[in-house]
Structures are given as structure tokens and as C-alpha cells.
C-alpha atoms as a PDB file:
ATOM      1  CA  MET A   1       3.835  13.176 -18.780  1.00  0.00           C
ATOM      2  CA  MET A   2       4.535  10.705 -16.265  1.00  0.00           C
ATOM      3  CA  LYS A   3       1.973   8.196 -15.228  1.00  0.00           C
ATOM      4  CA  THR A   4       1.402   8.135 -11.409  1.00  0.00           C
ATOM      5  CA  ASN A   5      -0.871   6.841  -8.754  1.00  0.00           C
ATOM      6  CA  PHE A   6      -0.697   7.817  -5.357  1.00  0.00           C
ATOM      7  CA  HIS A   7      -3.983   6.821  -4.301  1.00  0.00           C
ATOM      8  CA  THR A   8      -3.493   3.070  -3.106  1.00  0.00           C
ATOM      9  CA  HIS A   9      -4.969   0.855  -0.271  1.00  0.00           C
ATOM     10  CA  THR A  10      -4.680  -2.560   0.622  1.00  0.00           C
ATOM     11  CA  PHE A  11      -6.181  -5.359   2.598  1.00  0.00           C
ATOM     12  CA  ARG A  12      -5.105  -3.580   5.835  1.00  0.00           C
ATOM     13  CA  CYS A  13      -7.147  -0.432   5.575  1.00  0.00           C
ATOM     14  CA  GLY A  14     -10.779  -3.324   5.732  1.00  0.00           C
ATOM     15  CA  HIS A  15     -12.356  -1.903   2.635  1.00  0.00           C
ATOM     16  CA  ALA A  16      -9.823  -2.888  -0.248  1.00  0.00           C
ATOM     17  CA  VAL A  17      -8.079  -6.358  -1.463  1.00  0.00           C
ATOM     18  CA  GLY A  18      -4.699  -7.287  -2.243  1.00  0.00           C
ATOM     19  CA  ASN A  19      -1.364  -6.647  -0.289  1.00  0.00           C
ATOM     20  CA  GLU A  20       1.496  -4.047  -1.681  1.00  0.00           C
ATOM     21  CA  GLU A  21       3.129  -6.709  -3.737  1.00  0.00           C
ATOM     22  CA  ALA A  22      -0.139  -7.396  -6.097  1.00  0.00           C
ATOM     23  CA  MET A  23      -0.534  -3.491  -5.942  1.00  0.00           C
ATOM     24  CA  VAL A  24       2.938  -3.120  -7.400  1.00  0.00           C
ATOM     25  CA  LYS A  25       2.465  -5.757 -10.407  1.00  0.00           C
ATOM     26  CA  SER A  26      -0.778  -4.109 -11.041  1.00  0.00           C
ATOM     27  CA  ALA A  27       0.939  -0.757 -11.328  1.00  0.00           C
ATOM     28  CA  ILE A  28       3.759  -2.138 -13.570  1.00  0.00           C
ATOM     29  CA  GLU A  29       1.030  -3.821 -15.806  1.00  0.00           C
ATOM     30  CA  GLU A  30      -0.888  -0.613 -16.184  1.00  0.00           C
ATOM     31  CA  GLY A  31       2.347   1.489 -17.085  1.00  0.00           C
ATOM     32  CA  ILE A  32       2.470   3.184 -13.832  1.00  0.00           C
ATOM     33  CA  GLU A  33       6.047   4.980 -13.161  1.00  0.00           C
ATOM     34  CA  VAL A  34       5.321   6.067  -9.466  1.00  0.00           C
ATOM     35  CA  LEU A  35       3.177   4.338  -7.208  1.00  0.00           C
ATOM     36  CA  GLY A  36       2.492   5.842  -3.674  1.00  0.00           C
ATOM     37  CA  PHE A  37       0.452   4.098  -0.602  1.00  0.00           C
ATOM     38  CA  SER A  38      -2.190   6.178   0.982  1.00  0.00           C
ATOM     39  CA  GLU A  39      -3.146   3.561   3.837  1.00  0.00           C
ATOM     40  CA  HIS A  40      -5.591   4.781   6.560  1.00  0.00           C
ATOM     41  CA  VAL A  41      -3.465   5.416   9.742  1.00  0.00           C
ATOM     42  CA  PRO A  42      -4.739   3.596  13.096  1.00  0.00           C
ATOM     43  CA  LEU A  43      -6.688   5.765  15.105  1.00  0.00           C
ATOM     44  CA  PRO A  44      -6.505   5.626  19.049  1.00  0.00           C
ATOM     45  CA  ARG A  45      -8.557   2.790  20.708  1.00  0.00           C
ATOM     46  CA  TYR A  46     -11.102   5.197  22.059  1.00  0.00           C
ATOM     47  CA  ARG A  47     -11.978   6.378  18.253  1.00  0.00           C
ATOM     48  CA  LYS A  48     -12.112   3.125  16.815  1.00  0.00           C
ATOM     49  CA  HIS A  49     -15.860   2.728  16.503  1.00  0.00           C
ATOM     50  CA  ILE A  50     -15.787   6.056  14.108  1.00  0.00           C
ATOM     51  CA  PHE A  51     -14.479   4.485  11.228  1.00  0.00           C
ATOM     52  CA  LYS A  52     -14.990   0.787  12.006  1.00  0.00           C
ATOM     53  CA  GLY A  53     -13.624  -1.278   9.040  1.00  0.00           C
ATOM     54  CA  MET A  54     -11.884   1.686   7.265  1.00  0.00           C
ATOM     55  CA  ARG A  55      -8.863   1.761   9.350  1.00  0.00           C
ATOM     56  CA  TYR A  56      -6.143  -0.833   9.903  1.00  0.00           C
ATOM     57  CA  THR A  57      -4.628  -1.539  13.216  1.00  0.00           C
ATOM     58  CA  LEU A  58      -1.039  -0.676  14.874  1.00  0.00           C
ATOM     59  CA  ASN A  59      -0.002  -4.486  13.805  1.00  0.00           C
ATOM     60  CA  HIS A  60      -1.110  -3.880  10.432  1.00  0.00           C
ATOM     61  CA  PHE A  61       0.673  -0.638  10.233  1.00  0.00           C
ATOM     62  CA  ARG A  62       4.009  -2.346  11.312  1.00  0.00           C
ATOM     63  CA  SER A  63       3.567  -4.925   8.853  1.00  0.00           C
ATOM     64  CA  PHE A  64       3.040  -2.437   6.154  1.00  0.00           C
ATOM     65  CA  ALA A  65       6.207  -0.502   7.034  1.00  0.00           C
ATOM     66  CA  VAL A  66       7.966  -4.179   6.528  1.00  0.00           C
ATOM     67  CA  ALA A  67       6.315  -4.590   3.660  1.00  0.00           C
ATOM     68  CA  CYS A  68       7.062  -0.841   1.755  1.00  0.00           C
ATOM     69  CA  LYS A  69      10.703  -1.570   3.044  1.00  0.00           C
ATOM     70  CA  ALA A  70      10.861  -4.816   0.862  1.00  0.00           C
ATOM     71  CA  ILE A  71       9.433  -3.075  -2.041  1.00  0.00           C
ATOM     72  CA  ILE A  72      11.861  -0.076  -1.797  1.00  0.00           C
ATOM     73  CA  THR A  73      14.882  -2.176  -1.245  1.00  0.00           C
ATOM     74  CA  ASN A  74      13.929  -4.715  -4.072  1.00  0.00           C
ATOM     75  CA  GLY A  75      12.564  -2.137  -6.261  1.00  0.00           C
ATOM     76  CA  PRO A  76      13.919   1.556  -6.428  1.00  0.00           C
ATOM     77  CA  ALA A  77      11.823   3.551  -8.630  1.00  0.00           C
ATOM     78  CA  MET A  78       9.338   0.593  -9.220  1.00  0.00           C
ATOM     79  CA  ARG A  79      11.818  -1.243 -10.889  1.00  0.00           C
ATOM     80  CA  MET A  80      10.559  -4.532  -9.495  1.00  0.00           C
ATOM     81  CA  PRO A  81      11.612  -8.175 -10.313  1.00  0.00           C
ATOM     82  CA  TYR A  82       8.402  -9.140 -11.786  1.00  0.00           C
ATOM     83  CA  LYS A  83       9.253  -6.501 -14.880  1.00  0.00           C
ATOM     84  CA  ASP A  84      11.442  -7.631 -17.374  1.00  0.00           C
END
């Protein structure tokens, strides 16, 4: 059976620590074969008070997209440069 994790958050969500690179390294150490990021999407300005500290901003979303693209480019199927 393939070992997976589709519920991964980074510092951007406001209630977790670590960045995408740290999550990938940890997944590799744990033998995770497929890793999915499930960040909380930004809310419109008028609803920000509802989940304060539980969502990331639009700027965080853009940087998250850049980080994920780098992961995909550098390590398809989780074959990252960190794994020998």
C-alpha cells in the first residue's frame, strides 16, 4: 500500500510551522510517497475576522504557488535532491 499524506499545512496558514521544503524533507524521512498540501485559501477582506489566524493572505498564496512550482520542477514524484 502506498504511504500518502494529503493534509499538510505550512506557516502560511497561521497555525502551523515550517515551509514547503521542510514538509518535503520530513515526508521523505517518513517514507511518504505522495505528499499533498492542503492550505486554507484566503478569504475576502470582509470575512477575514471569521477565521483570524487560520487562513493565509493573497500574498502568501502567491508565494505558496511559487514554492509548489519549485517543488514540482525540482522533484517530480517526490524525488527531491535531498534523497540519495
